[in-house]
Protein backbone atom coordinates (compact mmCIF):
# COMPACT_ATOMS: atom_id res chain seq x y z
CA UNK A 1 0.00 0.00 0.00
CA UNK A 2 1.42 3.35 -0.97
CA UNK A 3 1.14 6.58 1.03
CA UNK A 4 -0.12 9.75 -0.51
CA UNK A 5 -0.26 13.42 0.48
CA UNK A 6 -2.65 15.68 -1.38
CA UNK A 7 -1.30 19.01 -2.47
CA UNK A 8 -3.00 22.28 -1.54
CA UNK A 9 -3.88 23.00 -5.14
CA UNK A 10 -5.96 19.88 -5.41
CA UNK A 11 -7.80 20.49 -2.18
CA UNK A 12 -8.54 24.15 -3.12
CA UNK A 13 -9.80 23.11 -6.50
CA UNK A 14 -11.93 20.38 -4.90
CA UNK A 15 -13.43 22.82 -2.41
CA UNK A 16 -14.21 25.35 -5.19
CA UNK A 17 -15.24 23.13 -8.07
CA UNK A 18 -15.55 19.47 -6.99
CA UNK A 19 -13.54 18.51 -10.06
CA UNK A 20 -11.08 16.22 -8.22
CA UNK A 21 -13.69 14.20 -6.37
CA UNK A 22 -13.48 11.04 -8.54
CA UNK A 23 -9.70 11.21 -8.63
CA UNK A 24 -9.47 11.56 -4.86
CA UNK A 25 -11.98 8.78 -4.27
CA UNK A 26 -10.03 6.44 -6.56
CA UNK A 27 -6.79 6.79 -4.56
CA UNK A 28 -5.63 3.40 -3.45
CA UNK A 29 -3.47 3.81 -0.39
CA UNK A 30 -3.09 5.69 2.87
CA UNK A 31 -4.08 9.35 2.46
CA UNK A 32 -2.13 11.75 4.66
CA UNK A 33 -2.14 15.49 4.85
CA UNK A 34 0.59 17.94 5.70
CA UNK A 35 0.52 20.54 8.44
CA UNK A 36 1.88 22.95 5.76
CA UNK A 37 -1.10 22.20 3.45
CA UNK A 38 -3.56 22.50 6.34
CA UNK A 39 -2.09 25.86 7.35
CA UNK A 40 -2.43 27.15 3.79
CA UNK A 41 -5.98 25.93 3.55
CA UNK A 42 -7.00 27.33 6.93
CA UNK A 43 -5.57 30.69 5.99
CA UNK A 44 -7.89 30.88 3.01
CA UNK A 45 -10.98 29.16 4.43
CA UNK A 46 -13.84 31.66 4.41
CA UNK A 47 -16.94 29.52 4.34
CA UNK A 48 -18.32 27.26 7.04
CA UNK A 49 -18.29 24.26 4.69
CA UNK A 50 -14.59 24.83 3.98
CA UNK A 51 -13.77 24.95 7.70
CA UNK A 52 -15.88 21.78 8.33
CA UNK A 53 -14.01 20.01 5.54
CA UNK A 54 -10.63 21.02 7.05
CA UNK A 55 -11.66 19.82 10.48
CA UNK A 56 -12.75 16.49 9.02
CA UNK A 57 -9.60 16.16 6.98
CA UNK A 58 -7.37 16.78 9.99
CA UNK A 59 -9.41 14.43 12.13
CA UNK A 60 -9.64 11.51 9.70
CA UNK A 61 -6.13 11.43 8.17
CA UNK A 62 -2.69 11.44 9.73
CA UNK A 63 -1.05 14.87 9.64
CA UNK A 64 2.63 14.99 8.68
CA UNK A 65 4.86 17.84 9.74
CA UNK A 66 8.17 18.77 8.00
CA UNK A 67 11.20 18.15 10.16
CA UNK A 68 14.02 20.61 10.90
CA UNK A 69 16.02 18.82 8.20
CA UNK A 70 13.16 19.28 5.68
CA UNK A 71 13.02 23.00 6.38
CA UNK A 72 16.77 23.45 5.98
CA UNK A 73 16.80 21.37 2.78
CA UNK A 74 13.97 23.51 1.36
CA UNK A 75 16.06 26.62 1.94
CA UNK A 76 19.06 24.98 0.26
CA UNK A 77 16.91 23.99 -2.73
CA UNK A 78 15.62 27.56 -3.05
CA UNK A 79 19.13 28.96 -2.72
CA UNK A 80 20.20 26.75 -5.65
CA UNK A 81 17.15 27.91 -7.64
CA UNK A 82 18.02 31.56 -6.95
CA UNK A 83 21.59 31.03 -8.02
CA UNK A 84 20.63 29.07 -11.15
CA UNK A 85 17.63 31.12 -12.24
CA UNK A 86 18.16 34.54 -10.64
CA UNK A 87 14.81 34.65 -8.93
CA UNK A 88 14.11 37.69 -6.69
CA UNK A 89 13.69 37.16 -2.92
CA UNK A 90 9.95 37.88 -3.15
CA UNK A 91 9.50 35.07 -5.68
CA UNK A 92 11.50 32.70 -3.45
CA UNK A 93 9.20 33.58 -0.52
CA UNK A 94 6.21 32.62 -2.65
CA UNK A 95 7.89 29.29 -3.57
CA UNK A 96 9.16 28.36 -0.09
CA UNK A 97 6.16 26.39 1.08
CA UNK A 98 5.75 24.50 -2.19
CA UNK A 99 8.43 21.85 -1.46
CA UNK A 100 7.48 21.50 2.23
CA UNK A 101 4.19 19.68 1.88
CA UNK A 102 5.49 16.74 -0.15
CA UNK A 103 8.81 16.80 1.72
CA UNK A 104 6.98 15.62 4.75
CA UNK A 105 5.22 12.90 2.78
CA UNK A 106 6.69 9.38 2.70
CA UNK A 107 6.26 8.77 -1.04
CA UNK A 108 3.89 10.56 -3.38
CA UNK A 109 2.11 13.90 -3.77
CA UNK A 110 -1.11 14.33 -5.66
CA UNK A 111 -1.03 17.69 -7.40
CA UNK A 112 -3.48 19.38 -9.74
CA UNK A 113 -1.44 18.16 -12.70
CA UNK A 114 -0.48 14.53 -11.79
CA UNK A 115 0.90 12.32 -9.08
CA UNK A 116 4.61 12.79 -8.69
CA UNK A 117 7.26 11.24 -6.53
CA UNK A 118 8.89 13.37 -3.85
CA UNK A 119 12.32 13.05 -5.42
CA UNK A 120 11.16 14.41 -8.78
CA UNK A 121 9.29 17.24 -7.04
CA UNK A 122 12.14 18.43 -4.91
CA UNK A 123 14.90 18.26 -7.45
């Protein structure tokens, strides 16, 4: 059985449109969520139904939290991106949480585009 963490983009789209429902229901494996993803979702939750969904999600699925090592590695990855691509600090701030949700997942992240392995996401 594989483990899966669902990316913020998928959950936001699901809350707004319901377009990922079949895909999410067809997941074979242990669904986990990340504390980073939950924080992002709570920050934007404005409706009662959204907050109820987040409470249920947190209650029914294990919550993974990035470790100190994950946070440091994410900074190193972004430093390399800055050096290679010349991104401004403001752009790096926007990108910083992106690698953290799947970094805390044991294997796979479900994004709005496709399922991807952690290694391919973080490289």
